[in-house]
Amino acid sequence: MLLIYTHRAGLSGKALNGLVQFSLLAGLKAGLDALGIPYQHQPEFLPQEGDTVVVLSDTEVLRQMISHKRSGPSFLLAAGPIMEMEDTHRTGFEGLLAEADDPSNPMSLLVALDSILADPEVDAVLTAGFWAKDAWRFSSPSLSNKIHEWRAGVDTRYWDGNSMPEPGRILLYEKRKPVFANKVKAGLQDAGYQVEVMNYGKYSKEELRDALRRCESAVVLSQRETQGIALAEMWAMNVPTFCWDDFCTEFHGVLVPSSGCPYLTSQTGWRWRTLPELLQVLKWSQPNLYAPREWVSRNMSHEVSTELLLDLLQRIGSAEYNASLPT
């Protein structure tokens, strides 16, 4: 039986919302239902021999599963992708701060990190996006052989691609870069574009879909995205995205690799760094150069995402895969 866990018992309200990415959970459940795969979410019983367990989020639940597996029953245990690196430390985040030589230095935290994900009871660690995968490997090299990339899907029925875009109308999507957004908006307007602004966390999905129906393209400003669900929703609406991407993030004075659009392809849009570069790309871009909805339908729908996970879990559970791992 496939068992999915997202949080410990008793959580509610803000504590629960802050821990569980419900869009990922809803998409996985929708994909499993569409494929006719039996599963249980948050079962009240502990896993039994031969079960497959996915702990999407909450390191406390993961600790419980590791302890239970260690006590006897053999089951496949996968963790992620919604887990903060520091929370997986053996004694928790507070313990990590206490054990690091210099808690204000992120490199000191990485040196002190002793992640429970490296425990032999954890068969697989799920991450989304290439830079998140590399970050886990960098922080805990012993995880290298059990890290697997898995991307969540979007609802291609809700994000249906039905639109009547107005020529020259652009959606400017801003995520934690308000000052830069004002500069980009002014530059786009000066170039003759109609600009519709949408700020991260301040819109409903209905508002985003309606805006995407009106716009022929989207300019996206985000420092980093582990996967970029909003981008996939834009692509599903057949709207190409032109994404600012610096490929790094400053973290306490240290530059670390990242991306604002890890799954962007030539079918779904274009990357840029400067406003003149963006304006040049928009000038020569034509709608028929891109096929974002086609790409999402083949690579990032709920069903495709779920099939990818099921295939991954089957491979990890195979005797051939386990025999190939170094001992």
C-alpha atoms as a PDB file:
ATOM      1  CA  MET A   1       0.000   0.000   0.000  1.00  0.00           C
ATOM      2  CA  LEU A   2       1.179   3.518  -0.799  1.00  0.00           C
ATOM      3  CA  LEU A   3       1.071   5.689   2.336  1.00  0.00           C
ATOM      4  CA  ILE A   4       1.495   9.477   2.119  1.00  0.00           C
ATOM      5  CA  TYR A   5       2.326  11.594   5.150  1.00  0.00           C
ATOM      6  CA  THR A   6       2.491  15.384   5.267  1.00  0.00           C
ATOM      7  CA  HIS A   7       2.335  16.362   8.947  1.00  0.00           C
ATOM      8  CA  ARG A   8       2.280  15.128  12.512  1.00  0.00           C
ATOM      9  CA  ALA A   9      -1.036  14.685  14.320  1.00  0.00           C
ATOM     10  CA  GLY A  10      -2.549  17.714  15.990  1.00  0.00           C
ATOM     11  CA  LEU A  11      -1.228  20.417  13.656  1.00  0.00           C
ATOM     12  CA  SER A  12      -3.714  22.989  12.367  1.00  0.00           C
ATOM     13  CA  GLY A  13      -4.017  26.557  11.176  1.00  0.00           C
ATOM     14  CA  LYS A  14      -0.849  28.522  10.371  1.00  0.00           C
ATOM     15  CA  ALA A  15       1.450  25.809  11.694  1.00  0.00           C
ATOM     16  CA  LEU A  16      -0.036  23.312   9.253  1.00  0.00           C
ATOM     17  CA  ASN A  17      -0.164  25.722   6.326  1.00  0.00           C
ATOM     18  CA  GLY A  18       3.461  26.658   6.873  1.00  0.00           C
ATOM     19  CA  LEU A  19       4.561  23.045   6.755  1.00  0.00           C
ATOM     20  CA  VAL A  20       2.518  21.488   3.958  1.00  0.00           C
ATOM     21  CA  GLN A  21       2.541  22.665   0.356  1.00  0.00           C
ATOM     22  CA  PHE A  22      -1.059  21.783  -0.353  1.00  0.00           C
ATOM     23  CA  SER A  23      -0.796  22.397  -4.100  1.00  0.00           C
ATOM     24  CA  LEU A  24       1.769  19.581  -4.335  1.00  0.00           C
ATOM     25  CA  LEU A  25      -0.322  17.246  -2.178  1.00  0.00           C
ATOM     26  CA  ALA A  26      -3.512  17.996  -4.108  1.00  0.00           C
ATOM     27  CA  GLY A  27      -1.745  17.379  -7.410  1.00  0.00           C
ATOM     28  CA  LEU A  28      -0.315  14.058  -6.273  1.00  0.00           C
ATOM     29  CA  LYS A  29      -3.691  12.887  -4.989  1.00  0.00           C
ATOM     30  CA  ALA A  30      -5.376  13.990  -8.223  1.00  0.00           C
ATOM     31  CA  GLY A  31      -2.798  12.089 -10.266  1.00  0.00           C
ATOM     32  CA  LEU A  32      -3.173   8.924  -8.175  1.00  0.00           C
ATOM     33  CA  ASP A  33      -6.969   9.108  -8.446  1.00  0.00           C
ATOM     34  CA  ALA A  34      -6.808   9.609 -12.219  1.00  0.00           C
ATOM     35  CA  LEU A  35      -4.490   6.618 -12.585  1.00  0.00           C
ATOM     36  CA  GLY A  36      -6.594   4.454 -10.260  1.00  0.00           C
ATOM     37  CA  ILE A  37      -3.749   3.892  -7.786  1.00  0.00           C
ATOM     38  CA  PRO A  38      -4.871   3.005  -4.233  1.00  0.00           C
ATOM     39  CA  TYR A  39      -3.265   5.042  -1.442  1.00  0.00           C
ATOM     40  CA  GLN A  40      -3.908   6.484   1.990  1.00  0.00           C
ATOM     41  CA  HIS A  41      -3.090  10.002   3.154  1.00  0.00           C
ATOM     42  CA  GLN A  42      -2.300  10.479   6.849  1.00  0.00           C
ATOM     43  CA  PRO A  43      -3.313   6.940   7.898  1.00  0.00           C
ATOM     44  CA  GLU A  44      -3.745   6.466  11.630  1.00  0.00           C
ATOM     45  CA  PHE A  45      -1.770   3.194  11.570  1.00  0.00           C
ATOM     46  CA  LEU A  46       1.975   2.781  11.164  1.00  0.00           C
ATOM     47  CA  PRO A  47       3.434   1.235   7.996  1.00  0.00           C
ATOM     48  CA  GLN A  48       3.530  -2.531   7.706  1.00  0.00           C
ATOM     49  CA  GLU A  49       5.899  -4.944   5.988  1.00  0.00           C
ATOM     50  CA  GLY A  50       6.076  -4.237   2.239  1.00  0.00           C
ATOM     51  CA  ASP A  51       4.377  -0.810   2.295  1.00  0.00           C
ATOM     52  CA  THR A  52       5.696   2.179   0.347  1.00  0.00           C
ATOM     53  CA  VAL A  53       5.871   5.356   2.431  1.00  0.00           C
ATOM     54  CA  VAL A  54       6.349   8.916   1.155  1.00  0.00           C
ATOM     55  CA  VAL A  55       6.851  11.619   3.792  1.00  0.00           C
ATOM     56  CA  LEU A  56       6.348  14.765   1.724  1.00  0.00           C
ATOM     57  CA  SER A  57       6.963  17.160   4.621  1.00  0.00           C
ATOM     58  CA  ASP A  58       7.481  17.380   8.393  1.00  0.00           C
ATOM     59  CA  THR A  59      10.782  16.024   9.690  1.00  0.00           C
ATOM     60  CA  GLU A  60       9.083  14.954  12.928  1.00  0.00           C
ATOM     61  CA  VAL A  61       7.029  12.430  10.989  1.00  0.00           C
ATOM     62  CA  LEU A  62      10.174  11.306   9.183  1.00  0.00           C
ATOM     63  CA  ARG A  63      11.926  10.731  12.522  1.00  0.00           C
ATOM     64  CA  GLN A  64       8.991   8.594  13.626  1.00  0.00           C
ATOM     65  CA  MET A  65       9.118   6.534  10.421  1.00  0.00           C
ATOM     66  CA  ILE A  66      12.871   5.981  10.733  1.00  0.00           C
ATOM     67  CA  SER A  67      12.438   4.777  14.309  1.00  0.00           C
ATOM     68  CA  HIS A  68       9.536   2.497  13.336  1.00  0.00           C
ATOM     69  CA  LYS A  69      11.457   0.976  10.427  1.00  0.00           C
ATOM     70  CA  ARG A  70      14.489   0.471  12.651  1.00  0.00           C
ATOM     71  CA  SER A  71      12.328  -1.510  15.079  1.00  0.00           C
ATOM     72  CA  GLY A  72      11.470  -4.239  12.609  1.00  0.00           C
ATOM     73  CA  PRO A  73       9.072  -3.872   9.623  1.00  0.00           C
ATOM     74  CA  SER A  74      10.692  -3.509   6.227  1.00  0.00           C
ATOM     75  CA  PHE A  75       9.106  -0.873   3.972  1.00  0.00           C
ATOM     76  CA  LEU A  76      10.323   1.572   1.347  1.00  0.00           C
ATOM     77  CA  LEU A  77      10.773   5.049   2.827  1.00  0.00           C
ATOM     78  CA  ALA A  78      11.072   8.171   0.658  1.00  0.00           C
ATOM     79  CA  ALA A  79      11.330  11.710   2.075  1.00  0.00           C
ATOM     80  CA  GLY A  80      10.730  15.123   0.522  1.00  0.00           C
ATOM     81  CA  PRO A  81      10.635  17.331  -1.362  1.00  0.00           C
ATOM     82  CA  ILE A  82       9.173  19.804   1.183  1.00  0.00           C
ATOM     83  CA  MET A  83      11.818  19.705   3.895  1.00  0.00           C
ATOM     84  CA  GLU A  84      14.202  22.393   5.096  1.00  0.00           C
ATOM     85  CA  MET A  85      17.799  21.243   5.177  1.00  0.00           C
ATOM     86  CA  GLU A  86      18.476  22.547   8.685  1.00  0.00           C
ATOM     87  CA  ASP A  87      15.400  20.815  10.131  1.00  0.00           C
ATOM     88  CA  THR A  88      16.778  17.412   9.116  1.00  0.00           C
ATOM     89  CA  HIS A  89      19.740  17.799  11.517  1.00  0.00           C
ATOM     90  CA  ARG A  90      19.825  14.932  14.000  1.00  0.00           C
ATOM     91  CA  THR A  91      19.049  17.197  16.962  1.00  0.00           C
ATOM     92  CA  GLY A  92      16.894  19.646  14.981  1.00  0.00           C
ATOM     93  CA  PHE A  93      17.578  23.234  13.963  1.00  0.00           C
ATOM     94  CA  GLU A  94      18.171  24.417  17.522  1.00  0.00           C
ATOM     95  CA  GLY A  95      20.698  21.648  17.968  1.00  0.00           C
ATOM     96  CA  LEU A  96      22.444  22.639  14.749  1.00  0.00           C
ATOM     97  CA  LEU A  97      22.768  26.231  15.933  1.00  0.00           C
ATOM     98  CA  ALA A  98      24.213  25.051  19.236  1.00  0.00           C
ATOM     99  CA  GLU A  99      26.726  22.704  17.615  1.00  0.00           C
ATOM    100  CA  ALA A 100      28.023  25.024  14.864  1.00  0.00           C
ATOM    101  CA  ASP A 101      31.258  26.902  15.559  1.00  0.00           C
ATOM    102  CA  ASP A 102      29.758  30.106  14.131  1.00  0.00           C
ATOM    103  CA  PRO A 103      25.947  29.942  13.810  1.00  0.00           C
ATOM    104  CA  SER A 104      25.911  33.188  11.784  1.00  0.00           C
ATOM    105  CA  ASN A 105      28.080  31.574   9.092  1.00  0.00           C
ATOM    106  CA  PRO A 106      26.113  29.286   6.721  1.00  0.00           C
ATOM    107  CA  MET A 107      29.259  27.326   5.889  1.00  0.00           C
ATOM    108  CA  SER A 108      29.710  26.557   9.577  1.00  0.00           C
ATOM    109  CA  LEU A 109      26.150  25.228   9.677  1.00  0.00           C
ATOM    110  CA  LEU A 110      26.819  22.987   6.693  1.00  0.00           C
ATOM    111  CA  VAL A 111      29.966  21.596   8.291  1.00  0.00           C
ATOM    112  CA  ALA A 112      28.009  20.746  11.445  1.00  0.00           C
ATOM    113  CA  LEU A 113      24.998  19.284   9.593  1.00  0.00           C
ATOM    114  CA  ASP A 114      24.265  15.660  10.454  1.00  0.00           C
ATOM    115  CA  SER A 115      21.136  14.937   8.420  1.00  0.00           C
ATOM    116  CA  ILE A 116      18.768  12.106   9.330  1.00  0.00           C
ATOM    117  CA  LEU A 117      18.171  11.742   5.595  1.00  0.00           C
ATOM    118  CA  ALA A 118      21.511   9.957   5.446  1.00  0.00           C
ATOM    119  CA  ASP A 119      20.231   7.219   7.789  1.00  0.00           C
ATOM    120  CA  PRO A 120      20.085   3.798   6.072  1.00  0.00           C
ATOM    121  CA  GLU A 121      16.347   3.528   6.821  1.00  0.00           C
ATOM    122  CA  VAL A 122      15.699   6.361   4.318  1.00  0.00           C
ATOM    123  CA  ASP A 123      15.748   4.817   0.852  1.00  0.00           C
ATOM    124  CA  ALA A 124      15.255   7.974  -1.217  1.00  0.00           C
ATOM    125  CA  VAL A 125      15.372  11.757  -0.859  1.00  0.00           C
ATOM    126  CA  LEU A 126      13.100  13.627  -3.275  1.00  0.00           C
ATOM    127  CA  THR A 127      14.008  17.099  -4.519  1.00  0.00           C
ATOM    128  CA  ALA A 128      12.628  19.387  -7.214  1.00  0.00           C
ATOM    129  CA  GLY A 129      14.920  21.324  -9.524  1.00  0.00           C
ATOM    130  CA  PHE A 130      18.585  20.854 -10.384  1.00  0.00           C
ATOM    131  CA  TRP A 131      19.963  23.445  -7.989  1.00  0.00           C
ATOM    132  CA  ALA A 132      18.068  22.054  -4.978  1.00  0.00           C
ATOM    133  CA  LYS A 133      19.442  18.612  -5.821  1.00  0.00           C
ATOM    134  CA  ASP A 134      22.979  19.984  -5.957  1.00  0.00           C
ATOM    135  CA  ALA A 135      22.455  21.903  -2.699  1.00  0.00           C
ATOM    136  CA  TRP A 136      21.528  18.711  -0.854  1.00  0.00           C
ATOM    137  CA  ARG A 137      24.580  16.933  -2.243  1.00  0.00           C
ATOM    138  CA  PHE A 138      26.818  19.822  -1.238  1.00  0.00           C
ATOM    139  CA  SER A 139      25.404  20.018   2.272  1.00  0.00           C
ATOM    140  CA  SER A 140      25.556  16.277   2.908  1.00  0.00           C
ATOM    141  CA  PRO A 141      27.720  14.333   0.418  1.00  0.00           C
ATOM    142  CA  SER A 142      26.631  11.004   1.916  1.00  0.00           C
ATOM    143  CA  LEU A 143      23.183  11.636   0.399  1.00  0.00           C
ATOM    144  CA  SER A 144      24.494  11.615  -3.171  1.00  0.00           C
ATOM    145  CA  ASN A 145      23.380   8.083  -4.016  1.00  0.00           C
ATOM    146  CA  LYS A 146      19.852   8.462  -2.715  1.00  0.00           C
ATOM    147  CA  ILE A 147      18.846  11.917  -4.036  1.00  0.00           C
ATOM    148  CA  HIS A 148      16.270  11.812  -6.837  1.00  0.00           C
ATOM    149  CA  GLU A 149      14.672  14.678  -8.720  1.00  0.00           C
ATOM    150  CA  TRP A 150      10.879  14.708  -8.806  1.00  0.00           C
ATOM    151  CA  ARG A 151       8.776  17.593 -10.027  1.00  0.00           C
ATOM    152  CA  ALA A 152       5.167  18.222  -9.032  1.00  0.00           C
ATOM    153  CA  GLY A 153       2.472  18.681 -11.659  1.00  0.00           C
ATOM    154  CA  VAL A 154      -0.248  21.225 -12.369  1.00  0.00           C
ATOM    155  CA  ASP A 155      -3.918  20.804 -13.226  1.00  0.00           C
ATOM    156  CA  THR A 156      -4.038  21.170 -17.011  1.00  0.00           C
ATOM    157  CA  ARG A 157      -7.847  21.036 -16.894  1.00  0.00           C
ATOM    158  CA  TYR A 158      -8.109  24.108 -14.685  1.00  0.00           C
ATOM    159  CA  TRP A 159      -5.222  25.851 -16.431  1.00  0.00           C
ATOM    160  CA  ASP A 160      -6.907  25.043 -19.718  1.00  0.00           C
ATOM    161  CA  GLY A 161      -5.015  27.169 -22.229  1.00  0.00           C
ATOM    162  CA  ASN A 162      -8.185  28.899 -23.437  1.00  0.00           C
ATOM    163  CA  SER A 163      -7.293  32.535 -23.932  1.00  0.00           C
ATOM    164  CA  MET A 164      -7.772  35.578 -26.137  1.00  0.00           C
ATOM    165  CA  PRO A 165      -4.510  37.464 -25.538  1.00  0.00           C
ATOM    166  CA  GLU A 166      -4.293  41.126 -26.391  1.00  0.00           C
ATOM    167  CA  PRO A 167      -1.274  41.928 -28.597  1.00  0.00           C
ATOM    168  CA  GLY A 168       1.385  43.758 -26.625  1.00  0.00           C
ATOM    169  CA  ARG A 169      -0.153  42.950 -23.222  1.00  0.00           C
ATOM    170  CA  ILE A 170       2.317  41.494 -20.701  1.00  0.00           C
ATOM    171  CA  LEU A 171       1.806  40.052 -17.241  1.00  0.00           C
ATOM    172  CA  LEU A 172       4.569  41.197 -14.880  1.00  0.00           C
ATOM    173  CA  TYR A 173       4.819  38.608 -12.092  1.00  0.00           C
ATOM    174  CA  GLU A 174       6.776  39.867  -9.088  1.00  0.00           C
ATOM    175  CA  LYS A 175       8.045  37.681  -6.240  1.00  0.00           C
ATOM    176  CA  ARG A 176      10.005  39.507  -3.528  1.00  0.00           C
ATOM    177  CA  LYS A 177      11.624  41.960  -5.943  1.00  0.00           C
ATOM    178  CA  PRO A 178       9.362  45.057  -5.754  1.00  0.00           C
ATOM    179  CA  VAL A 179      11.993  47.719  -6.513  1.00  0.00           C
ATOM    180  CA  PHE A 180      13.276  45.878  -9.565  1.00  0.00           C
ATOM    181  CA  ALA A 181       9.672  45.271 -10.654  1.00  0.00           C
ATOM    182  CA  ASN A 182       8.974  49.016 -10.743  1.00  0.00           C
ATOM    183  CA  LYS A 183      12.021  49.549 -12.952  1.00  0.00           C
ATOM    184  CA  VAL A 184      11.014  46.736 -15.307  1.00  0.00           C
ATOM    185  CA  LYS A 185       7.413  47.944 -15.464  1.00  0.00           C
ATOM    186  CA  ALA A 186       8.533  51.441 -16.423  1.00  0.00           C
ATOM    187  CA  GLY A 187      10.873  50.045 -19.087  1.00  0.00           C
ATOM    188  CA  LEU A 188       8.145  47.888 -20.598  1.00  0.00           C
ATOM    189  CA  GLN A 189       5.655  50.748 -20.661  1.00  0.00           C
ATOM    190  CA  ASP A 190       8.218  53.063 -22.249  1.00  0.00           C
ATOM    191  CA  ALA A 191       8.673  50.428 -24.955  1.00  0.00           C
ATOM    192  CA  GLY A 192       4.921  50.533 -25.684  1.00  0.00           C
ATOM    193  CA  TYR A 193       3.712  47.417 -23.839  1.00  0.00           C
ATOM    194  CA  GLN A 194       0.581  47.248 -21.720  1.00  0.00           C
ATOM    195  CA  VAL A 195       1.618  45.874 -18.334  1.00  0.00           C
ATOM    196  CA  GLU A 196      -0.525  44.024 -15.824  1.00  0.00           C
ATOM    197  CA  VAL A 197       1.205  43.432 -12.467  1.00  0.00           C
ATOM    198  CA  MET A 198       0.647  40.464 -10.181  1.00  0.00           C
ATOM    199  CA  ASN A 199       2.459  40.157  -6.847  1.00  0.00           C
ATOM    200  CA  TYR A 200       3.302  36.821  -5.275  1.00  0.00           C
ATOM    201  CA  GLY A 201       0.960  35.871  -2.430  1.00  0.00           C
ATOM    202  CA  LYS A 202      -1.556  38.615  -3.229  1.00  0.00           C
ATOM    203  CA  TYR A 203      -3.799  36.983  -5.794  1.00  0.00           C
ATOM    204  CA  SER A 204      -6.213  34.084  -6.137  1.00  0.00           C
ATOM    205  CA  LYS A 205      -5.733  31.371  -8.726  1.00  0.00           C
ATOM    206  CA  GLU A 206      -8.855  32.681 -10.488  1.00  0.00           C
ATOM    207  CA  GLU A 207      -7.253  36.113 -10.789  1.00  0.00           C
ATOM    208  CA  LEU A 208      -4.056  34.636 -12.182  1.00  0.00           C
ATOM    209  CA  ARG A 209      -5.924  32.532 -14.733  1.00  0.00           C
ATOM    210  CA  ASP A 210      -8.014  35.508 -15.866  1.00  0.00           C
ATOM    211  CA  ALA A 211      -4.885  37.633 -16.262  1.00  0.00           C
ATOM    212  CA  LEU A 212      -3.184  34.896 -18.275  1.00  0.00           C
ATOM    213  CA  ARG A 213      -6.181  34.750 -20.619  1.00  0.00           C
ATOM    214  CA  ARG A 214      -5.559  38.426 -21.464  1.00  0.00           C
ATOM    215  CA  CYS A 215      -1.767  38.443 -21.773  1.00  0.00           C
ATOM    216  CA  GLU A 216       0.343  37.126 -24.624  1.00  0.00           C
ATOM    217  CA  SER A 217       3.424  36.640 -22.442  1.00  0.00           C
ATOM    218  CA  ALA A 218       4.652  36.938 -18.859  1.00  0.00           C
ATOM    219  CA  VAL A 219       7.758  38.579 -17.444  1.00  0.00           C
ATOM    220  CA  VAL A 220       8.737  36.841 -14.211  1.00  0.00           C
ATOM    221  CA  LEU A 221      10.919  38.292 -11.452  1.00  0.00           C
ATOM    222  CA  SER A 222      11.879  35.774  -8.779  1.00  0.00           C
ATOM    223  CA  GLN A 223      15.186  35.356  -6.983  1.00  0.00           C
ATOM    224  CA  ARG A 224      14.853  31.603  -6.730  1.00  0.00           C
ATOM    225  CA  GLU A 225      12.349  28.811  -7.319  1.00  0.00           C
ATOM    226  CA  THR A 226      12.847  25.238  -6.203  1.00  0.00           C
ATOM    227  CA  GLN A 227      10.474  24.232  -8.983  1.00  0.00           C
ATOM    228  CA  GLY A 228       8.250  27.134  -9.998  1.00  0.00           C
ATOM    229  CA  ILE A 229       4.617  25.969  -9.825  1.00  0.00           C
ATOM    230  CA  ALA A 230       3.336  29.400 -10.915  1.00  0.00           C
ATOM    231  CA  LEU A 231       5.515  29.187 -14.016  1.00  0.00           C
ATOM    232  CA  ALA A 232       4.026  25.803 -14.907  1.00  0.00           C
ATOM    233  CA  GLU A 233       0.542  27.272 -14.490  1.00  0.00           C
ATOM    234  CA  MET A 234       1.457  30.036 -16.946  1.00  0.00           C
ATOM    235  CA  TRP A 235       2.803  27.494 -19.413  1.00  0.00           C
ATOM    236  CA  ALA A 236      -0.347  25.399 -19.088  1.00  0.00           C
ATOM    237  CA  MET A 237      -2.277  28.521 -20.144  1.00  0.00           C
ATOM    238  CA  ASN A 238       0.014  28.574 -23.212  1.00  0.00           C
ATOM    239  CA  VAL A 239       1.712  31.773 -22.033  1.00  0.00           C
ATOM    240  CA  PRO A 240       5.504  31.848 -22.535  1.00  0.00           C
ATOM    241  CA  THR A 241       7.552  33.282 -19.682  1.00  0.00           C
ATOM    242  CA  PHE A 242      10.553  35.590 -19.877  1.00  0.00           C
ATOM    243  CA  CYS A 243      12.349  34.996 -16.605  1.00  0.00           C
ATOM    244  CA  TRP A 244      14.995  37.041 -14.880  1.00  0.00           C
ATOM    245  CA  ASP A 245      17.617  34.546 -13.700  1.00  0.00           C
ATOM    246  CA  ASP A 246      20.888  35.360 -11.952  1.00  0.00           C
ATOM    247  CA  PHE A 247      21.699  31.682 -11.214  1.00  0.00           C
ATOM    248  CA  CYS A 248      22.761  32.539  -7.663  1.00  0.00           C
ATOM    249  CA  THR A 249      21.395  33.776  -4.342  1.00  0.00           C
ATOM    250  CA  GLU A 250      23.198  35.678  -1.605  1.00  0.00           C
ATOM    251  CA  PHE A 251      22.792  33.844   1.684  1.00  0.00           C
ATOM    252  CA  HIS A 252      24.385  35.628   4.669  1.00  0.00           C
ATOM    253  CA  GLY A 253      27.088  37.050   2.432  1.00  0.00           C
ATOM    254  CA  VAL A 254      27.731  33.792   0.594  1.00  0.00           C
ATOM    255  CA  LEU A 255      26.699  33.298  -3.034  1.00  0.00           C
ATOM    256  CA  VAL A 256      25.005  29.927  -3.528  1.00  0.00           C
ATOM    257  CA  PRO A 257      23.798  28.405  -6.828  1.00  0.00           C
ATOM    258  CA  SER A 258      20.086  28.761  -7.515  1.00  0.00           C
ATOM    259  CA  SER A 259      17.644  29.584 -10.298  1.00  0.00           C
ATOM    260  CA  GLY A 260      14.465  31.573 -10.708  1.00  0.00           C
ATOM    261  CA  CYS A 261      13.195  29.156 -13.371  1.00  0.00           C
ATOM    262  CA  PRO A 262      14.840  25.721 -13.114  1.00  0.00           C
ATOM    263  CA  TYR A 263      12.491  24.026 -15.610  1.00  0.00           C
ATOM    264  CA  LEU A 264      12.445  26.729 -18.275  1.00  0.00           C
ATOM    265  CA  THR A 265      13.074  25.361 -21.778  1.00  0.00           C
ATOM    266  CA  SER A 266      13.213  26.762 -25.294  1.00  0.00           C
ATOM    267  CA  GLN A 267       9.562  25.716 -25.648  1.00  0.00           C
ATOM    268  CA  THR A 268       8.376  27.616 -22.583  1.00  0.00           C
ATOM    269  CA  GLY A 269      10.279  30.907 -22.715  1.00  0.00           C
ATOM    270  CA  TRP A 270      13.590  32.686 -22.267  1.00  0.00           C
ATOM    271  CA  ARG A 271      16.033  33.782 -19.559  1.00  0.00           C
ATOM    272  CA  TRP A 272      17.417  37.325 -19.231  1.00  0.00           C
ATOM    273  CA  ARG A 273      19.471  39.428 -16.803  1.00  0.00           C
ATOM    274  CA  THR A 274      19.239  43.066 -17.908  1.00  0.00           C
ATOM    275  CA  LEU A 275      16.304  45.216 -18.972  1.00  0.00           C
ATOM    276  CA  PRO A 276      17.801  45.973 -22.427  1.00  0.00           C
ATOM    277  CA  GLU A 277      18.243  42.227 -22.947  1.00  0.00           C
ATOM    278  CA  LEU A 278      14.601  41.595 -22.011  1.00  0.00           C
ATOM    279  CA  LEU A 279      13.340  44.283 -24.381  1.00  0.00           C
ATOM    280  CA  GLN A 280      15.456  42.853 -27.212  1.00  0.00           C
ATOM    281  CA  VAL A 281      14.128  39.336 -26.622  1.00  0.00           C
ATOM    282  CA  LEU A 282      10.524  40.561 -26.532  1.00  0.00           C
ATOM    283  CA  LYS A 283      11.086  42.499 -29.754  1.00  0.00           C
ATOM    284  CA  TRP A 284      12.035  39.471 -31.824  1.00  0.00           C
ATOM    285  CA  SER A 285       9.904  36.866 -30.048  1.00  0.00           C
ATOM    286  CA  GLN A 286       6.815  35.582 -31.814  1.00  0.00           C
ATOM    287  CA  PRO A 287       4.062  33.403 -30.259  1.00  0.00           C
ATOM    288  CA  ASN A 288       4.749  30.561 -32.690  1.00  0.00           C
ATOM    289  CA  LEU A 289       8.302  30.248 -31.379  1.00  0.00           C
ATOM    290  CA  TYR A 290       7.018  28.664 -28.187  1.00  0.00           C
ATOM    291  CA  ALA A 291       4.763  25.757 -27.216  1.00  0.00           C
ATOM    292  CA  PRO A 292       4.463  26.012 -23.424  1.00  0.00           C
ATOM    293  CA  ARG A 293       1.174  24.146 -23.008  1.00  0.00           C
ATOM    294  CA  GLU A 294       2.388  21.272 -25.146  1.00  0.00           C
ATOM    295  CA  TRP A 295       5.518  21.016 -22.985  1.00  0.00           C
ATOM    296  CA  VAL A 296       3.536  21.011 -19.718  1.00  0.00           C
ATOM    297  CA  SER A 297       1.096  18.403 -21.018  1.00  0.00           C
ATOM    298  CA  ARG A 298       4.002  16.075 -21.798  1.00  0.00           C
ATOM    299  CA  ASN A 299       6.172  16.838 -18.778  1.00  0.00           C
ATOM    300  CA  MET A 300       4.341  18.457 -15.852  1.00  0.00           C
ATOM    301  CA  SER A 301       0.670  17.518 -15.644  1.00  0.00           C
ATOM    302  CA  HIS A 302      -0.668  15.849 -12.484  1.00  0.00           C
ATOM    303  CA  GLU A 303      -0.763  12.480 -14.228  1.00  0.00           C
ATOM    304  CA  VAL A 304       2.741  12.734 -15.689  1.00  0.00           C
ATOM    305  CA  SER A 305       4.169  13.865 -12.345  1.00  0.00           C
ATOM    306  CA  THR A 306       2.500  10.979 -10.523  1.00  0.00           C
ATOM    307  CA  GLU A 307       3.715   8.448 -13.090  1.00  0.00           C
ATOM    308  CA  LEU A 308       7.250   9.772 -12.640  1.00  0.00           C
ATOM    309  CA  LEU A 309       7.011   9.270  -8.880  1.00  0.00           C
ATOM    310  CA  LEU A 310       5.543   5.776  -9.164  1.00  0.00           C
ATOM    311  CA  ASP A 311       8.233   4.735 -11.644  1.00  0.00           C
ATOM    312  CA  LEU A 312      10.896   6.164  -9.342  1.00  0.00           C
ATOM    313  CA  LEU A 313       9.546   4.349  -6.278  1.00  0.00           C
ATOM    314  CA  GLN A 314       9.332   1.078  -8.218  1.00  0.00           C
ATOM    315  CA  ARG A 315      12.927   1.433  -9.382  1.00  0.00           C
ATOM    316  CA  ILE A 316      14.186   2.288  -5.902  1.00  0.00           C
ATOM    317  CA  GLY A 317      12.405  -0.722  -4.469  1.00  0.00           C
ATOM    318  CA  SER A 318      13.855  -3.136  -7.022  1.00  0.00           C
ATOM    319  CA  ALA A 319      16.564  -5.600  -6.064  1.00  0.00           C
ATOM    320  CA  GLU A 320      18.594  -4.571  -9.115  1.00  0.00           C
ATOM    321  CA  TYR A 321      18.707  -0.922  -8.015  1.00  0.00           C
ATOM    322  CA  ASN A 322      19.708  -1.719  -4.450  1.00  0.00           C
ATOM    323  CA  ALA A 323      22.413  -4.116  -5.600  1.00  0.00           C
ATOM    324  CA  SER A 324      23.949  -1.316  -7.673  1.00  0.00           C
ATOM    325  CA  LEU A 325      24.489   0.984  -4.670  1.00  0.00           C
ATOM    326  CA  PRO A 326      27.946   1.140  -3.066  1.00  0.00           C
ATOM    327  CA  THR A 327      28.275  -0.605   0.283  1.00  0.00           C
END
